[in-house]
Structures are given as structure tokens and as C-alpha cells.
């Protein structure tokens, strides 16, 4: 078993279902991309173009959508829905006034290394021999990092505060020598409701929370080293809708 690095998303997956993690990262089993992931990915690319080049969101959406389908189109499982449905859902997001006002009001940090948009960062955790890598969606000119989310419903402040992804970004920026003012973080949440809305939820972290994150990552690494990959049949991912391995895992046993 050779693991060259971890990522925040892979750690999150291990905590959600270690067996799913094993099949994805150890067995290298492939799985079709879901429409929700595709829409989220294209939305991120659209916002990135708008922030860097001030390309109108509508134009950016069309360009990013075509590029994504050209790259991954054959690997997407659209289910009972159509490509056009999801294209139009995304178009509805980027043409919504609250979303356009949010993006128009954002000013990314620019330094000698360039724009702090979709910036790769690396975290080193004591006792973990591999780096943990991730990508910060945005650092604004006031030095505060942030992350874009597309969601089916509005977030509460407690939803934002319970996210551990922001801990990872703050810790990684600190290791880079980048001070985050007040250890603040912002979540930019775009809701995929009938009338799309945009939220900006800011919260702060403490260094005790960062120490807790280090401990969490260390425990995950110990589980991987020991090849501990328990099933989690009660997790939200355990079902045919969210887990592409379900039919050959729990689903296969139910049908026996």
C-alpha cells in the first residue's frame, strides 16, 4: 500500500466510510461522477473565471460546462435526468441577482505569487509522513480565506461553524507564513432553491481547534497504516444514491 499524500476530501471520506475510501484509494476502483458534483465543479470554475478575468458569470458557465463535458462527459451518470436539466439548473444559479452581486463584490488577494484563487496548499502534520493537500477557493484582499458551496438549502451559522475544512485551510496558511486575521473564515453558500440565494457566513477558529484537527488527521493515518477499513452502514453515504460501490457492497448482500 503506497499513499503519497492525503487530501481534506479523502480524510472526510475515510471518516464517513473507510471501506469506500479503501476501494477508491487502495483498490483504485473507478466510479461515475454524479450530476451534483459536475454542477458544483463547473460553478467553481465559473466563479474562478469571473474573479480573475471579470468574465460575466453566464459566459463563464457556458465555457466551463462545455469544457467539463468534453473532459468527463463519458464518465458522468445522469441517471433518469438529462444533461440539459442540469445545465439549466446551473444557468439559473449564475443568472440569479444575489449570486451575481456576491461575486461582483469579491476582491481576491493578489501578491507576488499571483491571485489567491483555487490556490493549492499543503499541510504537514506531526507523526503523519505524507502531506495533506487541498485547494483554497478564495482568499480576499483582507487576507480571509473562503470556500464556495452549492447547497439545496440555506445554511445556518452552526452549519458553518461545524465545518472542519476551514480548520485545514487556516492551519495550512499558517505553515505558509500567511497570517489569517483573527483566524477568520468565510463560507459563500449558493442555494439551489427555486429562487437562488447567496449567503456569506463568517466564523473564527482557535488554535485549540487546530490542535484537535492535527490529532484527528493523526488518528486517520494510524487507521490507514493498520489497514482498518470498517463499514459504516449507518452513514449518510451508504445507499445507492450516494455510493457507487453500494451494489457490490451492502446492496449485494441484501439481494443474496
Protein backbone atom coordinates (compact mmCIF):
# COMPACT_ATOMS: atom_id res chain seq x y z
CA UNK A 1 0.00 0.00 0.00
CA UNK A 2 1.57 3.26 -1.16
CA UNK A 3 -0.03 6.55 -0.20
CA UNK A 4 1.84 9.61 -1.44
CA UNK A 5 -0.47 12.20 0.06
CA UNK A 6 -3.85 12.75 1.66
CA UNK A 7 -6.37 15.48 1.00
CA UNK A 8 -9.06 17.05 3.11
CA UNK A 9 -11.73 15.34 0.99
CA UNK A 10 -10.06 11.93 1.33
CA UNK A 11 -9.85 12.33 5.12
CA UNK A 12 -13.51 13.28 5.19
CA UNK A 13 -14.36 10.21 3.11
CA UNK A 14 -12.36 7.92 5.43
CA UNK A 15 -14.33 9.27 8.40
CA UNK A 16 -17.62 8.82 6.50
CA UNK A 17 -16.92 5.29 5.23
CA UNK A 18 -13.46 3.79 5.44
CA UNK A 19 -14.46 0.92 3.13
CA UNK A 20 -15.43 3.41 0.44
CA UNK A 21 -12.02 5.08 0.97
CA UNK A 22 -10.24 1.72 0.59
CA UNK A 23 -11.97 0.91 -2.65
CA UNK A 24 -11.29 4.36 -4.09
CA UNK A 25 -7.71 4.96 -2.94
CA UNK A 26 -6.28 1.47 -2.41
CA UNK A 27 -8.20 -0.67 -4.89
CA UNK A 28 -8.35 2.24 -7.38
CA UNK A 29 -11.92 1.32 -8.32
CA UNK A 30 -13.45 3.94 -10.56
CA UNK A 31 -16.92 5.35 -10.12
CA UNK A 32 -19.11 7.59 -12.29
CA UNK A 33 -19.32 11.25 -11.38
CA UNK A 34 -22.68 12.45 -10.11
CA UNK A 35 -24.51 15.40 -11.68
CA UNK A 36 -24.31 17.29 -8.37
CA UNK A 37 -20.52 17.04 -8.39
CA UNK A 38 -20.37 18.18 -12.01
CA UNK A 39 -22.58 21.21 -11.38
CA UNK A 40 -20.54 22.11 -8.29
CA UNK A 41 -17.25 21.76 -10.18
CA UNK A 42 -18.46 23.87 -13.11
CA UNK A 43 -19.82 26.50 -10.75
CA UNK A 44 -16.39 26.77 -9.07
CA UNK A 45 -14.69 27.14 -12.44
CA UNK A 46 -17.21 29.80 -13.46
CA UNK A 47 -16.60 31.86 -10.33
CA UNK A 48 -12.83 31.49 -10.77
CA UNK A 49 -13.03 32.94 -14.28
CA UNK A 50 -15.26 35.77 -13.09
CA UNK A 51 -12.86 36.73 -10.29
CA UNK A 52 -9.70 36.52 -12.39
CA UNK A 53 -10.86 37.88 -15.72
CA UNK A 54 -14.16 39.55 -14.76
CA UNK A 55 -15.81 37.29 -17.31
CA UNK A 56 -19.62 37.51 -16.94
CA UNK A 57 -20.95 34.54 -15.00
CA UNK A 58 -23.25 33.47 -17.84
CA UNK A 59 -20.38 33.34 -20.35
CA UNK A 60 -18.15 31.59 -17.85
CA UNK A 61 -20.81 28.98 -17.12
CA UNK A 62 -21.20 28.09 -20.79
CA UNK A 63 -17.44 27.86 -21.31
CA UNK A 64 -16.78 25.81 -18.18
CA UNK A 65 -19.73 23.48 -18.83
CA UNK A 66 -18.57 22.66 -22.36
CA UNK A 67 -15.02 22.06 -21.13
CA UNK A 68 -16.19 19.75 -18.33
CA UNK A 69 -18.36 17.67 -20.62
CA UNK A 70 -15.56 17.39 -23.17
CA UNK A 71 -13.26 16.12 -20.42
CA UNK A 72 -15.54 13.90 -18.31
CA UNK A 73 -18.76 13.53 -20.24
CA UNK A 74 -18.49 9.78 -20.74
CA UNK A 75 -17.89 9.19 -17.02
CA UNK A 76 -20.99 11.01 -15.75
CA UNK A 77 -24.04 9.08 -14.61
CA UNK A 78 -27.00 11.33 -15.37
CA UNK A 79 -29.50 8.77 -14.09
CA UNK A 80 -33.06 9.49 -15.15
CA UNK A 81 -32.33 13.16 -15.76
CA UNK A 82 -30.94 14.91 -18.81
CA UNK A 83 -27.80 16.92 -19.43
CA UNK A 84 -29.97 19.91 -20.32
CA UNK A 85 -31.74 19.82 -16.94
CA UNK A 86 -28.50 20.19 -15.03
CA UNK A 87 -27.09 22.75 -17.44
CA UNK A 88 -30.21 24.88 -16.95
CA UNK A 89 -30.11 24.42 -13.17
CA UNK A 90 -26.59 25.82 -13.14
CA UNK A 91 -27.52 28.61 -15.51
CA UNK A 92 -30.32 29.56 -13.14
CA UNK A 93 -27.76 29.90 -10.34
CA UNK A 94 -25.35 32.15 -12.21
CA UNK A 95 -28.09 34.41 -13.56
CA UNK A 96 -29.65 34.96 -10.12
CA UNK A 97 -29.16 38.55 -8.92
CA UNK A 98 -27.99 37.60 -5.37
CA UNK A 99 -25.29 35.33 -6.82
CA UNK A 100 -24.11 37.94 -9.30
CA UNK A 101 -23.98 40.61 -6.58
CA UNK A 102 -21.97 38.30 -4.33
CA UNK A 103 -19.34 37.52 -6.95
CA UNK A 104 -19.16 41.12 -8.18
CA UNK A 105 -18.41 42.29 -4.64
CA UNK A 106 -15.48 39.92 -4.06
CA UNK A 107 -11.92 41.14 -4.46
CA UNK A 108 -9.28 38.40 -4.39
CA UNK A 109 -5.91 38.82 -2.75
CA UNK A 110 -3.12 39.35 -5.27
CA UNK A 111 0.53 39.16 -4.25
CA UNK A 112 3.87 38.36 -5.86
CA UNK A 113 2.71 34.79 -6.43
CA UNK A 114 -0.46 35.84 -8.26
CA UNK A 115 -4.15 35.51 -7.49
CA UNK A 116 -5.21 33.64 -4.37
CA UNK A 117 -7.96 31.80 -6.21
CA UNK A 118 -8.12 27.99 -6.24
CA UNK A 119 -4.72 28.05 -4.55
CA UNK A 120 -3.03 24.75 -3.69
CA UNK A 121 -1.85 24.49 -0.08
CA UNK A 122 -0.04 21.75 1.79
CA UNK A 123 -0.27 20.86 5.47
CA UNK A 124 2.31 18.85 7.38
CA UNK A 125 1.05 17.08 10.49
CA UNK A 126 3.48 15.70 13.12
CA UNK A 127 3.54 11.90 13.01
CA UNK A 128 1.99 11.73 9.53
CA UNK A 129 4.70 11.06 6.91
CA UNK A 130 2.68 12.24 3.91
CA UNK A 131 1.47 15.77 3.17
CA UNK A 132 -2.17 16.77 3.24
CA UNK A 133 -3.04 18.85 0.21
CA UNK A 134 -6.01 20.97 -0.65
CA UNK A 135 -7.18 23.95 -2.68
CA UNK A 136 -8.48 27.17 -1.15
CA UNK A 137 -11.26 28.57 -3.31
CA UNK A 138 -10.54 32.19 -2.45
CA UNK A 139 -8.55 34.49 -0.18
CA UNK A 140 -9.95 38.01 -0.30
CA UNK A 141 -7.77 41.12 -0.19
CA UNK A 142 -8.28 41.40 3.58
CA UNK A 143 -6.46 38.06 3.97
CA UNK A 144 -9.50 35.98 4.95
CA UNK A 145 -9.84 32.58 3.20
CA UNK A 146 -13.18 31.32 1.99
CA UNK A 147 -14.93 28.41 0.32
CA UNK A 148 -17.81 28.26 -2.15
CA UNK A 149 -20.60 25.76 -1.62
CA UNK A 150 -23.68 24.95 -3.64
CA UNK A 151 -26.44 23.64 -1.40
CA UNK A 152 -30.05 22.55 -1.69
CA UNK A 153 -30.97 24.57 1.40
CA UNK A 154 -29.74 27.61 3.30
CA UNK A 155 -27.01 27.13 5.88
CA UNK A 156 -27.25 28.21 9.49
CA UNK A 157 -24.37 29.76 11.39
CA UNK A 158 -23.92 26.49 13.25
CA UNK A 159 -23.62 24.66 9.91
CA UNK A 160 -20.68 26.90 9.02
CA UNK A 161 -19.05 26.60 12.44
CA UNK A 162 -19.23 22.78 12.37
CA UNK A 163 -17.17 22.54 9.14
CA UNK A 164 -13.63 21.23 9.73
CA UNK A 165 -12.43 22.07 6.22
CA UNK A 166 -11.85 25.66 7.30
CA UNK A 167 -9.52 24.44 10.08
CA UNK A 168 -7.37 22.73 7.47
CA UNK A 169 -7.07 25.89 5.36
CA UNK A 170 -6.18 28.12 8.31
CA UNK A 171 -3.54 25.65 9.53
CA UNK A 172 -2.07 25.29 6.03
CA UNK A 173 -1.89 29.06 5.52
CA UNK A 174 -0.17 29.44 8.87
CA UNK A 175 2.50 26.93 7.81
CA UNK A 176 3.00 29.02 4.68
CA UNK A 177 3.66 32.07 6.85
CA UNK A 178 0.36 33.67 5.86
CA UNK A 179 -1.39 35.18 8.87
CA UNK A 180 -5.16 34.85 8.77
CA UNK A 181 -6.68 37.86 10.59
CA UNK A 182 -8.41 36.58 13.70
CA UNK A 183 -8.35 33.04 12.29
CA UNK A 184 -11.46 34.03 10.37
CA UNK A 185 -13.05 32.04 7.57
CA UNK A 186 -15.95 32.69 5.23
CA UNK A 187 -18.36 30.26 3.60
CA UNK A 188 -20.01 31.52 0.43
CA UNK A 189 -23.15 29.41 0.13
CA UNK A 190 -25.30 29.47 -3.01
CA UNK A 191 -28.62 27.73 -2.55
CA UNK A 192 -30.15 25.75 -5.39
CA UNK A 193 -33.66 26.75 -4.38
CA UNK A 194 -36.45 27.95 -6.68
CA UNK A 195 -35.16 31.48 -6.16
CA UNK A 196 -31.38 31.02 -5.68
CA UNK A 197 -29.88 32.89 -2.75
CA UNK A 198 -26.32 33.70 -1.70
CA UNK A 199 -25.04 33.67 1.87
CA UNK A 200 -21.79 34.84 3.44
CA UNK A 201 -21.21 33.13 6.78
CA UNK A 202 -18.08 34.09 8.70
CA UNK A 203 -16.71 32.43 11.81
CA UNK A 204 -13.47 32.13 13.75
CA UNK A 205 -11.32 29.23 14.89
CA UNK A 206 -9.00 28.81 17.85
CA UNK A 207 -5.57 27.20 17.91
CA UNK A 208 -7.02 24.53 20.20
CA UNK A 209 -9.30 23.55 17.35
CA UNK A 210 -6.31 23.37 15.00
CA UNK A 211 -4.54 21.08 17.50
CA UNK A 212 -7.67 18.92 17.52
CA UNK A 213 -7.51 18.75 13.71
CA UNK A 214 -3.90 17.52 13.89
CA UNK A 215 -4.98 14.80 16.31
CA UNK A 216 -7.87 13.82 14.03
CA UNK A 217 -5.62 13.53 10.97
CA UNK A 218 -3.09 11.54 13.01
CA UNK A 219 -5.77 9.06 14.04
CA UNK A 220 -6.97 8.68 10.46
CA UNK A 221 -3.41 7.96 9.34
CA UNK A 222 -2.98 5.32 12.06
CA UNK A 223 -6.17 3.64 10.85
CA UNK A 224 -4.89 3.64 7.26
CA UNK A 225 -1.49 2.27 8.31
CA UNK A 226 -3.18 -0.51 10.27
CA UNK A 227 -5.44 -1.22 7.28
CA UNK A 228 -8.54 -0.59 9.33
CA UNK A 229 -11.38 -0.03 6.89
CA UNK A 230 -14.67 -0.64 8.73
CA UNK A 231 -18.01 -0.38 7.01
CA UNK A 232 -20.37 2.37 8.08
CA UNK A 233 -23.87 1.16 7.17
CA UNK A 234 -25.50 3.99 9.13
CA UNK A 235 -23.61 6.79 7.37
CA UNK A 236 -25.38 9.18 5.02
CA UNK A 237 -23.32 7.90 2.08
CA UNK A 238 -24.50 4.29 2.47
CA UNK A 239 -27.09 3.98 -0.26
CA UNK A 240 -27.38 3.55 -4.00
CA UNK A 241 -27.96 7.28 -4.49
CA UNK A 242 -24.64 8.42 -2.99
CA UNK A 243 -22.26 5.44 -3.08
CA UNK A 244 -21.25 3.99 -6.43
CA UNK A 245 -19.92 0.87 -4.66
CA UNK A 246 -23.24 0.14 -2.92
CA UNK A 247 -24.43 -2.54 -5.34
CA UNK A 248 -21.28 -4.63 -4.81
CA UNK A 249 -21.06 -3.93 -1.09
CA UNK A 250 -24.16 -3.80 1.08
CA UNK A 251 -26.59 -3.98 -1.83
CA UNK A 252 -25.15 -7.30 -2.98
CA UNK A 253 -25.69 -8.83 0.47
CA UNK A 254 -29.28 -7.62 0.64
CA UNK A 255 -30.06 -9.24 -2.70
CA UNK A 256 -28.47 -12.57 -1.82
